[in-house]
């Protein structure tokens, strides 16, 4: 199986278009004002409209009010929602939209229970735990915490870049890798060479395990 790639946190149209030209499967748009990668609805629309066919758009929210999520959905063409806070299963599914639930991994995280709670999610995004940040920290967690079998597709995030993407594919066999800070020149601004190197590394990992 080919490992999918999602690059998250775009703030410039040209960066997203270049990522699409490299063959990225999905781009992530952050609708979380405290984040340096936060986008307005207008900017999000500019990015989405510039993308070619077959590139999925994922909208990321962190414990957002329902009204604001619905406002984004009404105005931006989104394929999937990503909930990166403490949202309950019911809070994730009320929009009738495909969704991913992010999990900040700790030693006592019960992934098996989460797969039952969020049984209708399109995947669990496993990220590094940070006491104050909700993601995008560039920190890696212990991949040994990932169960060998998971009922939901595993999307691996946290501290990924071109130097460890191949190893991540080999060791964890995820459905997808999700990267943000690992392919940036600075927060919110993607680096073309880093994006290309990351995707190439994922392909190398796929060739080894195929």
C-alpha atoms as a PDB file:
ATOM      1  CA  UNK A   1       0.000   0.000   0.000  1.00  0.00           C
ATOM      2  CA  UNK A   2       1.248   3.457  -0.866  1.00  0.00           C
ATOM      3  CA  UNK A   3       1.743   5.798   2.065  1.00  0.00           C
ATOM      4  CA  UNK A   4      -0.299   8.958   1.617  1.00  0.00           C
ATOM      5  CA  UNK A   5       1.144  12.392   2.379  1.00  0.00           C
ATOM      6  CA  UNK A   6      -0.634  15.372   3.893  1.00  0.00           C
ATOM      7  CA  UNK A   7       1.169  18.671   4.256  1.00  0.00           C
ATOM      8  CA  UNK A   8      -0.495  20.985   6.744  1.00  0.00           C
ATOM      9  CA  UNK A   9      -0.399  24.670   7.569  1.00  0.00           C
ATOM     10  CA  UNK A  10      -0.302  26.410   4.195  1.00  0.00           C
ATOM     11  CA  UNK A  11      -0.540  30.193   4.220  1.00  0.00           C
ATOM     12  CA  UNK A  12       0.523  30.947   0.639  1.00  0.00           C
ATOM     13  CA  UNK A  13      -1.197  29.949  -2.584  1.00  0.00           C
ATOM     14  CA  UNK A  14       2.060  29.249  -4.389  1.00  0.00           C
ATOM     15  CA  UNK A  15       3.226  26.820  -1.716  1.00  0.00           C
ATOM     16  CA  UNK A  16       0.054  24.739  -1.949  1.00  0.00           C
ATOM     17  CA  UNK A  17       0.174  24.690  -5.739  1.00  0.00           C
ATOM     18  CA  UNK A  18       3.784  23.529  -5.669  1.00  0.00           C
ATOM     19  CA  UNK A  19       2.939  20.795  -3.167  1.00  0.00           C
ATOM     20  CA  UNK A  20       0.202  19.614  -5.524  1.00  0.00           C
ATOM     21  CA  UNK A  21       2.702  19.476  -8.384  1.00  0.00           C
ATOM     22  CA  UNK A  22       4.855  17.167  -6.239  1.00  0.00           C
ATOM     23  CA  UNK A  23       1.954  14.755  -5.842  1.00  0.00           C
ATOM     24  CA  UNK A  24       0.813  15.507  -2.292  1.00  0.00           C
ATOM     25  CA  UNK A  25      -2.461  13.762  -1.454  1.00  0.00           C
ATOM     26  CA  UNK A  26      -3.910  16.404   0.863  1.00  0.00           C
ATOM     27  CA  UNK A  27      -3.244  19.896   2.095  1.00  0.00           C
ATOM     28  CA  UNK A  28      -4.222  21.134   5.541  1.00  0.00           C
ATOM     29  CA  UNK A  29      -5.633  24.583   6.250  1.00  0.00           C
ATOM     30  CA  UNK A  30      -5.510  25.737   9.855  1.00  0.00           C
ATOM     31  CA  UNK A  31      -8.530  27.626  11.216  1.00  0.00           C
ATOM     32  CA  UNK A  32      -7.120  28.262  14.672  1.00  0.00           C
ATOM     33  CA  UNK A  33      -6.367  31.947  15.403  1.00  0.00           C
ATOM     34  CA  UNK A  34      -3.570  31.338  17.967  1.00  0.00           C
ATOM     35  CA  UNK A  35      -1.576  29.431  15.359  1.00  0.00           C
ATOM     36  CA  UNK A  36       1.000  31.226  13.169  1.00  0.00           C
ATOM     37  CA  UNK A  37      -0.406  29.099  10.339  1.00  0.00           C
ATOM     38  CA  UNK A  38      -3.974  30.324  10.772  1.00  0.00           C
ATOM     39  CA  UNK A  39      -5.764  31.317   7.560  1.00  0.00           C
ATOM     40  CA  UNK A  40      -8.754  33.534   6.921  1.00  0.00           C
ATOM     41  CA  UNK A  41     -11.707  32.289   4.924  1.00  0.00           C
ATOM     42  CA  UNK A  42     -10.688  34.529   2.024  1.00  0.00           C
ATOM     43  CA  UNK A  43      -7.137  33.182   1.938  1.00  0.00           C
ATOM     44  CA  UNK A  44      -8.404  29.621   2.287  1.00  0.00           C
ATOM     45  CA  UNK A  45     -10.628  30.126  -0.741  1.00  0.00           C
ATOM     46  CA  UNK A  46      -7.736  31.523  -2.768  1.00  0.00           C
ATOM     47  CA  UNK A  47      -5.665  28.440  -1.941  1.00  0.00           C
ATOM     48  CA  UNK A  48      -8.446  25.952  -2.647  1.00  0.00           C
ATOM     49  CA  UNK A  49      -9.389  27.542  -5.970  1.00  0.00           C
ATOM     50  CA  UNK A  50      -5.781  27.328  -7.164  1.00  0.00           C
ATOM     51  CA  UNK A  51      -5.479  23.583  -6.539  1.00  0.00           C
ATOM     52  CA  UNK A  52      -5.806  21.028  -9.339  1.00  0.00           C
ATOM     53  CA  UNK A  53      -8.156  18.049  -9.238  1.00  0.00           C
ATOM     54  CA  UNK A  54      -7.592  15.097  -6.880  1.00  0.00           C
ATOM     55  CA  UNK A  55      -5.931  17.055  -4.061  1.00  0.00           C
ATOM     56  CA  UNK A  56      -7.990  16.810  -0.866  1.00  0.00           C
ATOM     57  CA  UNK A  57      -8.502  19.834   1.372  1.00  0.00           C
ATOM     58  CA  UNK A  58      -8.523  19.253   5.134  1.00  0.00           C
ATOM     59  CA  UNK A  59      -9.737  21.994   7.482  1.00  0.00           C
ATOM     60  CA  UNK A  60      -8.177  21.896  10.945  1.00  0.00           C
ATOM     61  CA  UNK A  61      -9.997  23.148  14.040  1.00  0.00           C
ATOM     62  CA  UNK A  62      -9.113  23.175  17.730  1.00  0.00           C
ATOM     63  CA  UNK A  63     -12.105  23.133  20.105  1.00  0.00           C
ATOM     64  CA  UNK A  64     -13.877  25.586  17.812  1.00  0.00           C
ATOM     65  CA  UNK A  65     -17.439  26.801  18.239  1.00  0.00           C
ATOM     66  CA  UNK A  66     -19.942  24.983  16.049  1.00  0.00           C
ATOM     67  CA  UNK A  67     -21.098  28.197  14.399  1.00  0.00           C
ATOM     68  CA  UNK A  68     -17.583  29.023  13.224  1.00  0.00           C
ATOM     69  CA  UNK A  69     -16.991  25.546  11.822  1.00  0.00           C
ATOM     70  CA  UNK A  70     -20.255  25.765   9.912  1.00  0.00           C
ATOM     71  CA  UNK A  71     -19.293  29.209   8.615  1.00  0.00           C
ATOM     72  CA  UNK A  72     -16.096  27.787   7.152  1.00  0.00           C
ATOM     73  CA  UNK A  73     -17.943  24.842   5.637  1.00  0.00           C
ATOM     74  CA  UNK A  74     -20.466  27.162   4.026  1.00  0.00           C
ATOM     75  CA  UNK A  75     -17.783  29.294   2.392  1.00  0.00           C
ATOM     76  CA  UNK A  76     -14.807  27.009   1.719  1.00  0.00           C
ATOM     77  CA  UNK A  77     -14.817  23.801  -0.326  1.00  0.00           C
ATOM     78  CA  UNK A  78     -13.537  21.328   2.247  1.00  0.00           C
ATOM     79  CA  UNK A  79     -13.234  17.569   1.796  1.00  0.00           C
ATOM     80  CA  UNK A  80     -12.468  16.549   5.367  1.00  0.00           C
ATOM     81  CA  UNK A  81     -12.401  18.021   8.877  1.00  0.00           C
ATOM     82  CA  UNK A  82      -9.552  17.550  11.326  1.00  0.00           C
ATOM     83  CA  UNK A  83     -10.237  18.049  15.018  1.00  0.00           C
ATOM     84  CA  UNK A  84      -7.087  18.731  16.973  1.00  0.00           C
ATOM     85  CA  UNK A  85      -8.471  19.586  20.403  1.00  0.00           C
ATOM     86  CA  UNK A  86     -10.531  17.810  23.028  1.00  0.00           C
ATOM     87  CA  UNK A  87     -13.611  17.408  20.858  1.00  0.00           C
ATOM     88  CA  UNK A  88     -15.980  14.608  21.820  1.00  0.00           C
ATOM     89  CA  UNK A  89     -17.085  12.056  19.223  1.00  0.00           C
ATOM     90  CA  UNK A  90     -20.485  13.745  18.971  1.00  0.00           C
ATOM     91  CA  UNK A  91     -18.849  17.134  18.416  1.00  0.00           C
ATOM     92  CA  UNK A  92     -16.886  15.677  15.507  1.00  0.00           C
ATOM     93  CA  UNK A  93     -19.778  14.004  13.730  1.00  0.00           C
ATOM     94  CA  UNK A  94     -22.507  16.661  13.953  1.00  0.00           C
ATOM     95  CA  UNK A  95     -21.440  18.206  10.635  1.00  0.00           C
ATOM     96  CA  UNK A  96     -22.128  15.078   8.615  1.00  0.00           C
ATOM     97  CA  UNK A  97     -18.662  15.427   7.131  1.00  0.00           C
ATOM     98  CA  UNK A  98     -15.720  13.070   6.913  1.00  0.00           C
ATOM     99  CA  UNK A  99     -13.358  13.746   9.786  1.00  0.00           C
ATOM    100  CA  UNK A 100      -9.997  12.905  11.320  1.00  0.00           C
ATOM    101  CA  UNK A 101      -9.415  12.986  15.068  1.00  0.00           C
ATOM    102  CA  UNK A 102      -5.985  14.031  16.262  1.00  0.00           C
ATOM    103  CA  UNK A 103      -4.574  12.336  19.353  1.00  0.00           C
ATOM    104  CA  UNK A 104      -1.685  13.709  21.391  1.00  0.00           C
ATOM    105  CA  UNK A 105       0.188  10.575  22.339  1.00  0.00           C
ATOM    106  CA  UNK A 106       1.258   9.796  25.899  1.00  0.00           C
ATOM    107  CA  UNK A 107       2.379   6.555  27.523  1.00  0.00           C
ATOM    108  CA  UNK A 108      -1.111   5.985  28.931  1.00  0.00           C
ATOM    109  CA  UNK A 109      -3.014   6.831  25.736  1.00  0.00           C
ATOM    110  CA  UNK A 110      -5.509   4.062  24.983  1.00  0.00           C
ATOM    111  CA  UNK A 111      -5.619   4.015  21.193  1.00  0.00           C
ATOM    112  CA  UNK A 112      -7.903   0.975  21.187  1.00  0.00           C
ATOM    113  CA  UNK A 113     -10.542   2.843  23.195  1.00  0.00           C
ATOM    114  CA  UNK A 114     -10.236   5.876  20.939  1.00  0.00           C
ATOM    115  CA  UNK A 115     -10.895   3.768  17.856  1.00  0.00           C
ATOM    116  CA  UNK A 116     -14.159   2.657  19.470  1.00  0.00           C
ATOM    117  CA  UNK A 117     -15.137   6.155  20.606  1.00  0.00           C
ATOM    118  CA  UNK A 118     -14.388   7.684  17.183  1.00  0.00           C
ATOM    119  CA  UNK A 119     -15.408   4.589  15.233  1.00  0.00           C
ATOM    120  CA  UNK A 120     -16.715   6.587  12.272  1.00  0.00           C
ATOM    121  CA  UNK A 121     -13.575   8.720  11.860  1.00  0.00           C
ATOM    122  CA  UNK A 122     -11.648   8.466   8.599  1.00  0.00           C
ATOM    123  CA  UNK A 123      -8.479   8.080  10.634  1.00  0.00           C
ATOM    124  CA  UNK A 124      -6.634   8.801  13.855  1.00  0.00           C
ATOM    125  CA  UNK A 125      -3.828  11.337  13.550  1.00  0.00           C
ATOM    126  CA  UNK A 126      -1.223  10.448  16.161  1.00  0.00           C
ATOM    127  CA  UNK A 127       0.842  13.468  17.210  1.00  0.00           C
ATOM    128  CA  UNK A 128       3.286  14.377  19.964  1.00  0.00           C
ATOM    129  CA  UNK A 129       1.912  15.478  23.309  1.00  0.00           C
ATOM    130  CA  UNK A 130       2.705  18.978  24.517  1.00  0.00           C
ATOM    131  CA  UNK A 131       1.203  20.417  27.723  1.00  0.00           C
ATOM    132  CA  UNK A 132       0.190  23.696  26.084  1.00  0.00           C
ATOM    133  CA  UNK A 133       0.494  23.384  22.300  1.00  0.00           C
ATOM    134  CA  UNK A 134      -2.153  21.589  20.223  1.00  0.00           C
ATOM    135  CA  UNK A 135       0.210  20.468  17.467  1.00  0.00           C
ATOM    136  CA  UNK A 136       2.725  21.841  15.004  1.00  0.00           C
ATOM    137  CA  UNK A 137       5.491  21.736  17.610  1.00  0.00           C
ATOM    138  CA  UNK A 138       7.964  19.745  15.526  1.00  0.00           C
ATOM    139  CA  UNK A 139       8.323  17.235  18.356  1.00  0.00           C
ATOM    140  CA  UNK A 140       8.391  13.480  17.853  1.00  0.00           C
ATOM    141  CA  UNK A 141       6.779  10.926  20.150  1.00  0.00           C
ATOM    142  CA  UNK A 142       7.789   7.335  20.827  1.00  0.00           C
ATOM    143  CA  UNK A 143       6.571   5.353  17.820  1.00  0.00           C
ATOM    144  CA  UNK A 144       6.562   2.283  20.043  1.00  0.00           C
ATOM    145  CA  UNK A 145       3.295   3.607  21.480  1.00  0.00           C
ATOM    146  CA  UNK A 146       1.564   2.951  18.156  1.00  0.00           C
ATOM    147  CA  UNK A 147      -0.341  -0.352  18.289  1.00  0.00           C
ATOM    148  CA  UNK A 148       0.640  -2.927  15.680  1.00  0.00           C
ATOM    149  CA  UNK A 149      -3.010  -3.236  14.715  1.00  0.00           C
ATOM    150  CA  UNK A 150      -5.474  -0.358  14.659  1.00  0.00           C
ATOM    151  CA  UNK A 151      -9.075  -0.513  13.489  1.00  0.00           C
ATOM    152  CA  UNK A 152      -8.793   2.959  11.997  1.00  0.00           C
ATOM    153  CA  UNK A 153      -6.213   4.248   9.501  1.00  0.00           C
ATOM    154  CA  UNK A 154      -3.196   5.684  11.326  1.00  0.00           C
ATOM    155  CA  UNK A 155      -1.905   9.070  10.226  1.00  0.00           C
ATOM    156  CA  UNK A 156       1.497   9.677  11.769  1.00  0.00           C
ATOM    157  CA  UNK A 157       2.507  13.221  12.686  1.00  0.00           C
ATOM    158  CA  UNK A 158       4.962  14.929  15.022  1.00  0.00           C
ATOM    159  CA  UNK A 159       8.574  15.828  14.322  1.00  0.00           C
ATOM    160  CA  UNK A 160       8.621  14.468  10.782  1.00  0.00           C
ATOM    161  CA  UNK A 161      10.906  15.756   8.048  1.00  0.00           C
ATOM    162  CA  UNK A 162      12.894  14.387   5.120  1.00  0.00           C
ATOM    163  CA  UNK A 163      15.505  12.899   7.462  1.00  0.00           C
ATOM    164  CA  UNK A 164      13.116  10.492   9.198  1.00  0.00           C
ATOM    165  CA  UNK A 165      10.149  10.074   6.830  1.00  0.00           C
ATOM    166  CA  UNK A 166      11.591   6.926   5.233  1.00  0.00           C
ATOM    167  CA  UNK A 167      12.231   5.399   8.656  1.00  0.00           C
ATOM    168  CA  UNK A 168       8.717   6.342   9.793  1.00  0.00           C
ATOM    169  CA  UNK A 169       7.215   4.449   6.861  1.00  0.00           C
ATOM    170  CA  UNK A 170       9.434   1.414   7.451  1.00  0.00           C
ATOM    171  CA  UNK A 171       8.845   1.198  11.194  1.00  0.00           C
ATOM    172  CA  UNK A 172       5.199   2.156  11.617  1.00  0.00           C
ATOM    173  CA  UNK A 173       3.568   1.286   8.263  1.00  0.00           C
ATOM    174  CA  UNK A 174       1.063   4.142   8.593  1.00  0.00           C
ATOM    175  CA  UNK A 175      -1.771   4.928   6.244  1.00  0.00           C
ATOM    176  CA  UNK A 176      -0.341   8.436   5.871  1.00  0.00           C
ATOM    177  CA  UNK A 177       2.280  10.865   7.119  1.00  0.00           C
ATOM    178  CA  UNK A 178       1.317  14.400   8.110  1.00  0.00           C
ATOM    179  CA  UNK A 179       3.997  17.090   8.118  1.00  0.00           C
ATOM    180  CA  UNK A 180       3.990  20.824   8.780  1.00  0.00           C
ATOM    181  CA  UNK A 181       7.016  22.445  10.436  1.00  0.00           C
ATOM    182  CA  UNK A 182       9.359  19.827   8.967  1.00  0.00           C
ATOM    183  CA  UNK A 183       8.935  21.276   5.470  1.00  0.00           C
ATOM    184  CA  UNK A 184       8.997  24.971   6.347  1.00  0.00           C
ATOM    185  CA  UNK A 185      11.440  27.795   5.768  1.00  0.00           C
ATOM    186  CA  UNK A 186       9.679  29.540   8.644  1.00  0.00           C
ATOM    187  CA  UNK A 187       6.321  29.063  10.348  1.00  0.00           C
ATOM    188  CA  UNK A 188       3.590  29.037   7.734  1.00  0.00           C
ATOM    189  CA  UNK A 189       5.952  29.393   4.777  1.00  0.00           C
ATOM    190  CA  UNK A 190       6.756  26.105   3.082  1.00  0.00           C
ATOM    191  CA  UNK A 191      10.135  25.320   1.543  1.00  0.00           C
ATOM    192  CA  UNK A 192       9.973  23.809  -1.956  1.00  0.00           C
ATOM    193  CA  UNK A 193      13.110  21.710  -1.584  1.00  0.00           C
ATOM    194  CA  UNK A 194      12.054  20.378   1.816  1.00  0.00           C
ATOM    195  CA  UNK A 195       8.618  19.390   0.515  1.00  0.00           C
ATOM    196  CA  UNK A 196      10.154  17.604  -2.466  1.00  0.00           C
ATOM    197  CA  UNK A 197      12.693  15.814  -0.275  1.00  0.00           C
ATOM    198  CA  UNK A 198       9.989  14.725   2.172  1.00  0.00           C
ATOM    199  CA  UNK A 199       7.782  13.197  -0.497  1.00  0.00           C
ATOM    200  CA  UNK A 200      10.795  11.493  -2.092  1.00  0.00           C
ATOM    201  CA  UNK A 201      11.730   9.982   1.281  1.00  0.00           C
ATOM    202  CA  UNK A 202       8.205   8.601   1.726  1.00  0.00           C
ATOM    203  CA  UNK A 203       8.398   6.995  -1.716  1.00  0.00           C
ATOM    204  CA  UNK A 204      11.745   5.420  -0.776  1.00  0.00           C
ATOM    205  CA  UNK A 205      10.162   3.913   2.320  1.00  0.00           C
ATOM    206  CA  UNK A 206       7.311   2.525   0.260  1.00  0.00           C
ATOM    207  CA  UNK A 207       9.688   0.855  -2.175  1.00  0.00           C
ATOM    208  CA  UNK A 208      11.507  -0.903   0.655  1.00  0.00           C
ATOM    209  CA  UNK A 209       8.376  -2.383   2.271  1.00  0.00           C
ATOM    210  CA  UNK A 210       6.604  -3.260  -0.979  1.00  0.00           C
END
